[in-house]
Amino acid sequence: MTFTSFNPPQRTLMGPGPSDIYPRVLQAQSRPTVGHLDPLFIGMMDEVKQLLQYAFQTENPVTMRSQPPVVPVWRPVL
Protein backbone atom coordinates (compact mmCIF):
# COMPACT_ATOMS: atom_id res chain seq x y z
CA MET A 1 0.00 0.00 0.00
CA THR A 2 1.40 3.39 -1.01
CA PHE A 3 0.40 6.72 0.46
CA THR A 4 1.13 10.14 -0.94
CA SER A 5 1.01 13.57 0.68
CA PHE A 6 -2.34 15.31 0.77
CA ASN A 7 -2.08 18.44 -1.39
CA PRO A 8 -5.51 20.05 -1.80
CA PRO A 9 -5.97 22.60 -4.57
CA GLN A 10 -6.19 26.33 -3.81
CA ARG A 11 -9.84 27.21 -3.14
CA THR A 12 -11.88 30.20 -2.06
CA LEU A 13 -13.81 29.23 1.04
CA MET A 14 -17.29 30.74 1.08
CA GLY A 15 -18.49 29.60 4.54
CA PRO A 16 -19.59 31.87 7.38
CA GLY A 17 -16.54 31.32 9.58
CA PRO A 18 -12.86 31.92 9.17
CA SER A 19 -12.10 31.37 5.55
CA ASP A 20 -9.05 31.68 3.33
CA ILE A 21 -5.72 31.75 5.11
CA TYR A 22 -3.33 34.39 3.86
CA PRO A 23 -0.37 32.70 2.05
CA ARG A 24 2.20 34.35 4.38
CA VAL A 25 0.43 32.77 7.36
CA LEU A 26 0.58 29.33 5.75
CA GLN A 27 4.25 29.87 5.00
CA ALA A 28 4.94 30.91 8.61
CA GLN A 29 3.10 27.86 9.93
CA SER A 30 5.29 25.58 7.84
CA ARG A 31 8.43 26.78 9.66
CA PRO A 32 9.89 24.86 12.61
CA THR A 33 8.47 25.80 15.99
CA VAL A 34 10.54 27.61 18.60
CA GLY A 35 10.03 27.08 22.32
CA HIS A 36 9.48 29.95 24.74
CA LEU A 37 12.84 29.30 26.42
CA ASP A 38 14.80 29.19 23.16
CA PRO A 39 17.37 32.03 22.88
CA LEU A 40 15.96 32.84 19.42
CA PHE A 41 12.49 33.35 20.92
CA ILE A 42 13.87 35.50 23.73
CA GLY A 43 15.65 37.65 21.13
CA MET A 44 12.43 38.03 19.17
CA MET A 45 10.58 39.11 22.32
CA ASP A 46 13.29 41.70 22.99
CA GLU A 47 12.63 43.05 19.49
CA VAL A 48 8.88 43.14 20.19
CA LYS A 49 9.62 45.05 23.41
CA GLN A 50 11.66 47.62 21.46
CA LEU A 51 8.81 48.04 18.97
CA LEU A 52 6.30 48.52 21.82
CA GLN A 53 8.59 51.08 23.45
CA TYR A 54 8.68 52.96 20.15
CA ALA A 55 4.91 52.70 19.64
CA PHE A 56 4.18 53.99 23.16
CA GLN A 57 7.10 56.44 23.13
CA THR A 58 8.64 55.10 26.34
CA GLU A 59 12.11 54.07 27.45
CA ASN A 60 10.83 52.13 30.45
CA PRO A 61 12.83 48.87 30.60
CA VAL A 62 9.81 47.02 32.07
CA THR A 63 7.69 47.53 28.94
CA MET A 64 5.72 44.39 28.13
CA ARG A 65 2.62 43.31 26.31
CA SER A 66 -0.32 42.36 28.47
CA GLN A 67 -3.38 40.33 27.61
CA PRO A 68 -6.71 39.60 29.24
CA PRO A 69 -7.02 36.36 31.18
CA VAL A 70 -7.74 33.34 29.01
CA VAL A 71 -9.93 31.54 31.58
CA PRO A 72 -13.10 33.61 30.88
CA VAL A 73 -12.75 32.77 27.18
CA TRP A 74 -12.59 29.03 27.89
CA ARG A 75 -15.23 28.98 30.61
CA PRO A 76 -18.19 28.48 28.18
CA VAL A 77 -16.28 25.66 26.48
CA LEU A 78 -15.65 23.81 29.74
PDB file of N, CA and C in Angstrom:
ATOM      1  N   MET A   1       0.843  -1.171   0.000  1.00  0.00           N
ATOM      2  CA  MET A   1       0.000   0.000   0.000  1.00  0.00           C
ATOM      3  C   MET A   1       0.893   1.241   0.000  1.00  0.00           C
ATOM      4  N   THR A   2       0.612   2.167  -0.890  1.00  0.00           N
ATOM      5  CA  THR A   2       1.404   3.386  -1.007  1.00  0.00           C
ATOM      6  C   THR A   2       0.546   4.601  -0.681  1.00  0.00           C
ATOM      7  N   PHE A   3       1.106   5.499   0.115  1.00  0.00           N
ATOM      8  CA  PHE A   3       0.400   6.724   0.461  1.00  0.00           C
ATOM      9  C   PHE A   3       1.187   7.920  -0.046  1.00  0.00           C
ATOM     10  N   THR A   4       0.487   8.908  -0.493  1.00  0.00           N
ATOM     11  CA  THR A   4       1.129  10.145  -0.944  1.00  0.00           C
ATOM     12  C   THR A   4       0.680  11.293  -0.044  1.00  0.00           C
ATOM     13  N   SER A   5       1.382  12.394  -0.108  1.00  0.00           N
ATOM     14  CA  SER A   5       1.009  13.568   0.679  1.00  0.00           C
ATOM     15  C   SER A   5      -0.305  14.141   0.178  1.00  0.00           C
ATOM     16  N   PHE A   6      -1.075  14.676   1.120  1.00  0.00           N
ATOM     17  CA  PHE A   6      -2.342  15.307   0.767  1.00  0.00           C
ATOM     18  C   PHE A   6      -2.070  16.744   0.372  1.00  0.00           C
ATOM     19  N   ASN A   7      -2.306  17.095  -0.875  1.00  0.00           N
ATOM     20  CA  ASN A   7      -2.079  18.444  -1.388  1.00  0.00           C
ATOM     21  C   ASN A   7      -3.365  18.953  -2.021  1.00  0.00           C
ATOM     22  N   PRO A   8      -4.257  19.553  -1.236  1.00  0.00           N
ATOM     23  CA  PRO A   8      -5.509  20.045  -1.801  1.00  0.00           C
ATOM     24  C   PRO A   8      -5.271  21.249  -2.707  1.00  0.00           C
ATOM     25  N   PRO A   9      -6.129  21.452  -3.690  1.00  0.00           N
ATOM     26  CA  PRO A   9      -5.974  22.604  -4.571  1.00  0.00           C
ATOM     27  C   PRO A   9      -6.338  23.899  -3.847  1.00  0.00           C
ATOM     28  N   GLN A  10      -5.861  25.015  -4.367  1.00  0.00           N
ATOM     29  CA  GLN A  10      -6.193  26.332  -3.814  1.00  0.00           C
ATOM     30  C   GLN A  10      -7.677  26.589  -4.052  1.00  0.00           C
ATOM     31  N   ARG A  11      -8.408  26.961  -3.018  1.00  0.00           N
ATOM     32  CA  ARG A  11      -9.842  27.211  -3.142  1.00  0.00           C
ATOM     33  C   ARG A  11     -10.204  28.485  -2.402  1.00  0.00           C
ATOM     34  N   THR A  12     -11.311  29.081  -2.796  1.00  0.00           N
ATOM     35  CA  THR A  12     -11.883  30.196  -2.059  1.00  0.00           C
ATOM     36  C   THR A  12     -12.986  29.630  -1.190  1.00  0.00           C
ATOM     37  N   LEU A  13     -12.817  29.748   0.127  1.00  0.00           N
ATOM     38  CA  LEU A  13     -13.812  29.226   1.045  1.00  0.00           C
ATOM     39  C   LEU A  13     -14.926  30.244   1.215  1.00  0.00           C
ATOM     40  N   MET A  14     -16.150  29.816   1.058  1.00  0.00           N
ATOM     41  CA  MET A  14     -17.293  30.735   1.080  1.00  0.00           C
ATOM     42  C   MET A  14     -18.182  30.533   2.300  1.00  0.00           C
ATOM     43  N   GLY A  15     -17.694  29.851   3.336  1.00  0.00           N
ATOM     44  CA  GLY A  15     -18.492  29.600   4.536  1.00  0.00           C
ATOM     45  C   GLY A  15     -18.593  30.829   5.425  1.00  0.00           C
ATOM     46  N   PRO A  16     -19.373  30.732   6.494  1.00  0.00           N
ATOM     47  CA  PRO A  16     -19.594  31.872   7.377  1.00  0.00           C
ATOM     48  C   PRO A  16     -18.447  32.132   8.346  1.00  0.00           C
ATOM     49  N   GLY A  17     -17.577  31.163   8.563  1.00  0.00           N
ATOM     50  CA  GLY A  17     -16.542  31.320   9.576  1.00  0.00           C
ATOM     51  C   GLY A  17     -15.242  31.815   9.005  1.00  0.00           C
ATOM     52  N   PRO A  18     -14.173  31.565   9.723  1.00  0.00           N
ATOM     53  CA  PRO A  18     -12.860  31.919   9.169  1.00  0.00           C
ATOM     54  C   PRO A  18     -12.696  31.227   7.830  1.00  0.00           C
ATOM     55  N   SER A  19     -12.213  31.968   6.872  1.00  0.00           N
ATOM     56  CA  SER A  19     -12.097  31.365   5.548  1.00  0.00           C
ATOM     57  C   SER A  19     -10.646  31.355   5.100  1.00  0.00           C
ATOM     58  N   ASP A  20     -10.374  31.816   3.917  1.00  0.00           N
ATOM     59  CA  ASP A  20      -9.047  31.679   3.329  1.00  0.00           C
ATOM     60  C   ASP A  20      -7.943  32.164   4.267  1.00  0.00           C
ATOM     61  N   ILE A  21      -6.888  31.400   4.304  1.00  0.00           N
ATOM     62  CA  ILE A  21      -5.724  31.755   5.111  1.00  0.00           C
ATOM     63  C   ILE A  21      -4.733  32.463   4.197  1.00  0.00           C
ATOM     64  N   TYR A  22      -4.266  33.607   4.648  1.00  0.00           N
ATOM     65  CA  TYR A  22      -3.325  34.388   3.857  1.00  0.00           C
ATOM     66  C   TYR A  22      -2.067  33.552   3.607  1.00  0.00           C
ATOM     67  N   PRO A  23      -1.526  33.553   2.387  1.00  0.00           N
ATOM     68  CA  PRO A  23      -0.370  32.703   2.055  1.00  0.00           C
ATOM     69  C   PRO A  23       0.828  32.902   2.989  1.00  0.00           C
ATOM     70  N   ARG A  24       1.070  34.130   3.461  1.00  0.00           N
ATOM     71  CA  ARG A  24       2.198  34.350   4.381  1.00  0.00           C
ATOM     72  C   ARG A  24       1.983  33.624   5.702  1.00  0.00           C
ATOM     73  N   VAL A  25       0.724  33.496   6.129  1.00  0.00           N
ATOM     74  CA  VAL A  25       0.427  32.768   7.365  1.00  0.00           C
ATOM     75  C   VAL A  25       0.721  31.284   7.163  1.00  0.00           C
ATOM     76  N   LEU A  26       0.291  30.741   6.047  1.00  0.00           N
ATOM     77  CA  LEU A  26       0.580  29.327   5.751  1.00  0.00           C
ATOM     78  C   LEU A  26       2.082  29.080   5.693  1.00  0.00           C
ATOM     79  N   GLN A  27       2.804  30.003   5.095  1.00  0.00           N
ATOM     80  CA  GLN A  27       4.251  29.868   5.002  1.00  0.00           C
ATOM     81  C   GLN A  27       4.877  29.903   6.403  1.00  0.00           C
ATOM     82  N   ALA A  28       4.406  30.811   7.251  1.00  0.00           N
ATOM     83  CA  ALA A  28       4.938  30.908   8.608  1.00  0.00           C
ATOM     84  C   ALA A  28       4.637  29.642   9.408  1.00  0.00           C
ATOM     85  N   GLN A  29       3.462  29.068   9.204  1.00  0.00           N
ATOM     86  CA  GLN A  29       3.096  27.862   9.935  1.00  0.00           C
ATOM     87  C   GLN A  29       3.913  26.644   9.499  1.00  0.00           C
ATOM     88  N   SER A  30       4.503  26.717   8.324  1.00  0.00           N
ATOM     89  CA  SER A  30       5.292  25.585   7.843  1.00  0.00           C
ATOM     90  C   SER A  30       6.714  25.603   8.400  1.00  0.00           C
ATOM     91  N   ARG A  31       7.093  26.676   9.086  1.00  0.00           N
ATOM     92  CA  ARG A  31       8.435  26.776   9.660  1.00  0.00           C
ATOM     93  C   ARG A  31       8.521  25.973  10.956  1.00  0.00           C
ATOM     94  N   PRO A  32       9.728  25.593  11.347  1.00  0.00           N
ATOM     95  CA  PRO A  32       9.887  24.865  12.611  1.00  0.00           C
ATOM     96  C   PRO A  32       9.427  25.719  13.793  1.00  0.00           C
ATOM     97  N   THR A  33       8.906  25.070  14.806  1.00  0.00           N
ATOM     98  CA  THR A  33       8.474  25.800  15.989  1.00  0.00           C
ATOM     99  C   THR A  33       9.669  26.119  16.887  1.00  0.00           C
ATOM    100  N   VAL A  34       9.499  27.172  17.686  1.00  0.00           N
ATOM    101  CA  VAL A  34      10.536  27.611  18.601  1.00  0.00           C
ATOM    102  C   VAL A  34       9.909  27.677  19.987  1.00  0.00           C
ATOM    103  N   GLY A  35      10.553  27.072  20.966  1.00  0.00           N
ATOM    104  CA  GLY A  35      10.031  27.079  22.324  1.00  0.00           C
ATOM    105  C   GLY A  35      10.206  28.430  23.006  1.00  0.00           C
ATOM    106  N   HIS A  36       9.435  28.651  24.056  1.00  0.00           N
ATOM    107  CA  HIS A  36       9.477  29.948  24.743  1.00  0.00           C
ATOM    108  C   HIS A  36      10.764  30.166  25.536  1.00  0.00           C
ATOM    109  N   LEU A  37      11.565  29.142  25.737  1.00  0.00           N
ATOM    110  CA  LEU A  37      12.845  29.298  26.425  1.00  0.00           C
ATOM    111  C   LEU A  37      14.025  29.317  25.455  1.00  0.00           C
ATOM    112  N   ASP A  38      13.751  29.185  24.182  1.00  0.00           N
ATOM    113  CA  ASP A  38      14.800  29.193  23.162  1.00  0.00           C
ATOM    114  C   ASP A  38      15.405  30.599  23.071  1.00  0.00           C
ATOM    115  N   PRO A  39      16.744  30.712  22.999  1.00  0.00           N
ATOM    116  CA  PRO A  39      17.374  32.035  22.879  1.00  0.00           C
ATOM    117  C   PRO A  39      16.859  32.832  21.679  1.00  0.00           C
ATOM    118  N   LEU A  40      16.504  32.152  20.602  1.00  0.00           N
ATOM    119  CA  LEU A  40      15.964  32.839  19.424  1.00  0.00           C
ATOM    120  C   LEU A  40      14.627  33.506  19.764  1.00  0.00           C
ATOM    121  N   PHE A  41      13.779  32.802  20.518  1.00  0.00           N
ATOM    122  CA  PHE A  41      12.487  33.353  20.916  1.00  0.00           C
ATOM    123  C   PHE A  41      12.681  34.542  21.856  1.00  0.00           C
ATOM    124  N   ILE A  42      13.615  34.413  22.801  1.00  0.00           N
ATOM    125  CA  ILE A  42      13.872  35.502  23.735  1.00  0.00           C
ATOM    126  C   ILE A  42      14.358  36.731  22.973  1.00  0.00           C
ATOM    127  N   GLY A  43      15.198  36.535  21.970  1.00  0.00           N
ATOM    128  CA  GLY A  43      15.654  37.650  21.135  1.00  0.00           C
ATOM    129  C   GLY A  43      14.503  38.300  20.385  1.00  0.00           C
ATOM    130  N   MET A  44      13.579  37.482  19.876  1.00  0.00           N
ATOM    131  CA  MET A  44      12.427  38.026  19.169  1.00  0.00           C
ATOM    132  C   MET A  44      11.554  38.855  20.119  1.00  0.00           C
ATOM    133  N   MET A  45      11.384  38.367  21.351  1.00  0.00           N
ATOM    134  CA  MET A  45      10.577  39.108  22.319  1.00  0.00           C
ATOM    135  C   MET A  45      11.257  40.424  22.707  1.00  0.00           C
ATOM    136  N   ASP A  46      12.583  40.440  22.751  1.00  0.00           N
ATOM    137  CA  ASP A  46      13.292  41.702  22.993  1.00  0.00           C
ATOM    138  C   ASP A  46      13.018  42.695  21.867  1.00  0.00           C
ATOM    139  N   GLU A  47      12.945  42.190  20.636  1.00  0.00           N
ATOM    140  CA  GLU A  47      12.635  43.054  19.494  1.00  0.00           C
ATOM    141  C   GLU A  47      11.201  43.577  19.597  1.00  0.00           C
ATOM    142  N   VAL A  48      10.268  42.708  19.994  1.00  0.00           N
ATOM    143  CA  VAL A  48       8.880  43.138  20.188  1.00  0.00           C
ATOM    144  C   VAL A  48       8.818  44.226  21.261  1.00  0.00           C
ATOM    145  N   LYS A  49       9.592  44.054  22.334  1.00  0.00           N
ATOM    146  CA  LYS A  49       9.622  45.049  23.407  1.00  0.00           C
ATOM    147  C   LYS A  49      10.108  46.396  22.877  1.00  0.00           C
ATOM    148  N   GLN A  50      11.147  46.380  22.041  1.00  0.00           N
ATOM    149  CA  GLN A  50      11.655  47.622  21.456  1.00  0.00           C
ATOM    150  C   GLN A  50      10.589  48.288  20.582  1.00  0.00           C
ATOM    151  N   LEU A  51       9.860  47.481  19.817  1.00  0.00           N
ATOM    152  CA  LEU A  51       8.806  48.045  18.970  1.00  0.00           C
ATOM    153  C   LEU A  51       7.675  48.632  19.812  1.00  0.00           C
ATOM    154  N   LEU A  52       7.325  47.974  20.922  1.00  0.00           N
ATOM    155  CA  LEU A  52       6.304  48.519  21.822  1.00  0.00           C
ATOM    156  C   LEU A  52       6.779  49.804  22.470  1.00  0.00           C
ATOM    157  N   GLN A  53       8.046  49.850  22.860  1.00  0.00           N
ATOM    158  CA  GLN A  53       8.586  51.076  23.447  1.00  0.00           C
ATOM    159  C   GLN A  53       8.510  52.220  22.439  1.00  0.00           C
ATOM    160  N   TYR A  54       8.788  51.932  21.191  1.00  0.00           N
ATOM    161  CA  TYR A  54       8.681  52.957  20.153  1.00  0.00           C
ATOM    162  C   TYR A  54       7.225  53.381  19.958  1.00  0.00           C
ATOM    163  N   ALA A  55       6.324  52.399  19.880  1.00  0.00           N
ATOM    164  CA  ALA A  55       4.908  52.702  19.644  1.00  0.00           C
ATOM    165  C   ALA A  55       4.323  53.549  20.766  1.00  0.00           C
ATOM    166  N   PHE A  56       4.716  53.258  22.017  1.00  0.00           N
ATOM    167  CA  PHE A  56       4.181  53.986  23.162  1.00  0.00           C
ATOM    168  C   PHE A  56       5.097  55.113  23.625  1.00  0.00           C
ATOM    169  N   GLN A  57       6.167  55.350  22.845  1.00  0.00           N
ATOM    170  CA  GLN A  57       7.103  56.444  23.128  1.00  0.00           C
ATOM    171  C   GLN A  57       7.574  56.406  24.584  1.00  0.00           C
ATOM    172  N   THR A  58       8.120  55.272  24.988  1.00  0.00           N
ATOM    173  CA  THR A  58       8.641  55.103  26.343  1.00  0.00           C
ATOM    174  C   THR A  58      10.013  54.455  26.296  1.00  0.00           C
ATOM    175  N   GLU A  59      10.809  54.725  27.315  1.00  0.00           N
ATOM    176  CA  GLU A  59      12.108  54.074  27.455  1.00  0.00           C
ATOM    177  C   GLU A  59      12.119  53.195  28.696  1.00  0.00           C
ATOM    178  N   ASN A  60      10.950  52.952  29.263  1.00  0.00           N
ATOM    179  CA  ASN A  60      10.831  52.131  30.452  1.00  0.00           C
ATOM    180  C   ASN A  60      11.321  50.723  30.144  1.00  0.00           C
ATOM    181  N   PRO A  61      12.305  50.200  30.897  1.00  0.00           N
ATOM    182  CA  PRO A  61      12.828  48.866  30.602  1.00  0.00           C
ATOM    183  C   PRO A  61      11.857  47.737  30.957  1.00  0.00           C
ATOM    184  N   VAL A  62      10.770  48.052  31.661  1.00  0.00           N
ATOM    185  CA  VAL A  62       9.815  47.024  32.068  1.00  0.00           C
ATOM    186  C   VAL A  62       8.617  46.995  31.112  1.00  0.00           C
ATOM    187  N   THR A  63       8.768  47.539  29.926  1.00  0.00           N
ATOM    188  CA  THR A  63       7.690  47.534  28.936  1.00  0.00           C
ATOM    189  C   THR A  63       7.394  46.104  28.510  1.00  0.00           C
ATOM    190  N   MET A  64       6.115  45.725  28.567  1.00  0.00           N
ATOM    191  CA  MET A  64       5.724  44.385  28.134  1.00  0.00           C
ATOM    192  C   MET A  64       4.291  44.410  27.621  1.00  0.00           C
ATOM    193  N   ARG A  65       3.967  43.445  26.830  1.00  0.00           N
ATOM    194  CA  ARG A  65       2.619  43.306  26.307  1.00  0.00           C
ATOM    195  C   ARG A  65       1.787  42.589  27.357  1.00  0.00           C
ATOM    196  N   SER A  66       0.574  43.060  27.559  1.00  0.00           N
ATOM    197  CA  SER A  66      -0.324  42.359  28.475  1.00  0.00           C
ATOM    198  C   SER A  66      -1.526  41.852  27.697  1.00  0.00           C
ATOM    199  N   GLN A  67      -2.203  40.886  28.260  1.00  0.00           N
ATOM    200  CA  GLN A  67      -3.381  40.328  27.606  1.00  0.00           C
ATOM    201  C   GLN A  67      -4.418  40.002  28.665  1.00  0.00           C
ATOM    202  N   PRO A  68      -5.683  39.958  28.268  1.00  0.00           N
ATOM    203  CA  PRO A  68      -6.707  39.600  29.243  1.00  0.00           C
ATOM    204  C   PRO A  68      -6.569  38.133  29.635  1.00  0.00           C
ATOM    205  N   PRO A  69      -7.096  37.772  30.783  1.00  0.00           N
ATOM    206  CA  PRO A  69      -7.020  36.358  31.184  1.00  0.00           C
ATOM    207  C   PRO A  69      -7.721  35.455  30.177  1.00  0.00           C
ATOM    208  N   VAL A  70      -7.188  34.282  29.991  1.00  0.00           N
ATOM    209  CA  VAL A  70      -7.736  33.335  29.015  1.00  0.00           C
ATOM    210  C   VAL A  70      -8.892  32.538  29.625  1.00  0.00           C
ATOM    211  N   VAL A  71      -8.908  32.378  30.933  1.00  0.00           N
ATOM    212  CA  VAL A  71      -9.932  31.538  31.581  1.00  0.00           C
ATOM    213  C   VAL A  71     -11.355  31.954  31.215  1.00  0.00           C
ATOM    214  N   PRO A  72     -11.716  33.260  31.242  1.00  0.00           N
ATOM    215  CA  PRO A  72     -13.099  33.609  30.880  1.00  0.00           C
ATOM    216  C   PRO A  72     -13.455  33.206  29.439  1.00  0.00           C
ATOM    217  N   VAL A  73     -12.475  33.177  28.569  1.00  0.00           N
ATOM    218  CA  VAL A  73     -12.753  32.772  27.182  1.00  0.00           C
ATOM    219  C   VAL A  73     -13.084  31.293  27.125  1.00  0.00           C
ATOM    220  N   TRP A  74     -12.384  30.472  27.911  1.00  0.00           N
ATOM    221  CA  TRP A  74     -12.586  29.029  27.893  1.00  0.00           C
ATOM    222  C   TRP A  74     -13.744  28.561  28.759  1.00  0.00           C
ATOM    223  N   ARG A  75     -14.201  29.406  29.676  1.00  0.00           N
ATOM    224  CA  ARG A  75     -15.230  28.979  30.606  1.00  0.00           C
ATOM    225  C   ARG A  75     -16.469  28.408  29.903  1.00  0.00           C
ATOM    226  N   PRO A  76     -17.015  29.069  28.846  1.00  0.00           N
ATOM    227  CA  PRO A  76     -18.188  28.480  28.178  1.00  0.00           C
ATOM    228  C   PRO A  76     -17.903  27.123  27.526  1.00  0.00           C
ATOM    229  N   VAL A  77     -16.653  26.910  27.131  1.00  0.00           N
ATOM    230  CA  VAL A  77     -16.284  25.657  26.476  1.00  0.00           C
ATOM    231  C   VAL A  77     -16.248  24.522  27.495  1.00  0.00           C
ATOM    232  N   LEU A  78     -15.774  24.829  28.707  1.00  0.00           N
ATOM    233  CA  LEU A  78     -15.650  23.811  29.744  1.00  0.00           C
ATOM    234  C   LEU A  78     -17.013  23.537  30.295  1.00  0.00           C
TER     235      LEU A  78
END
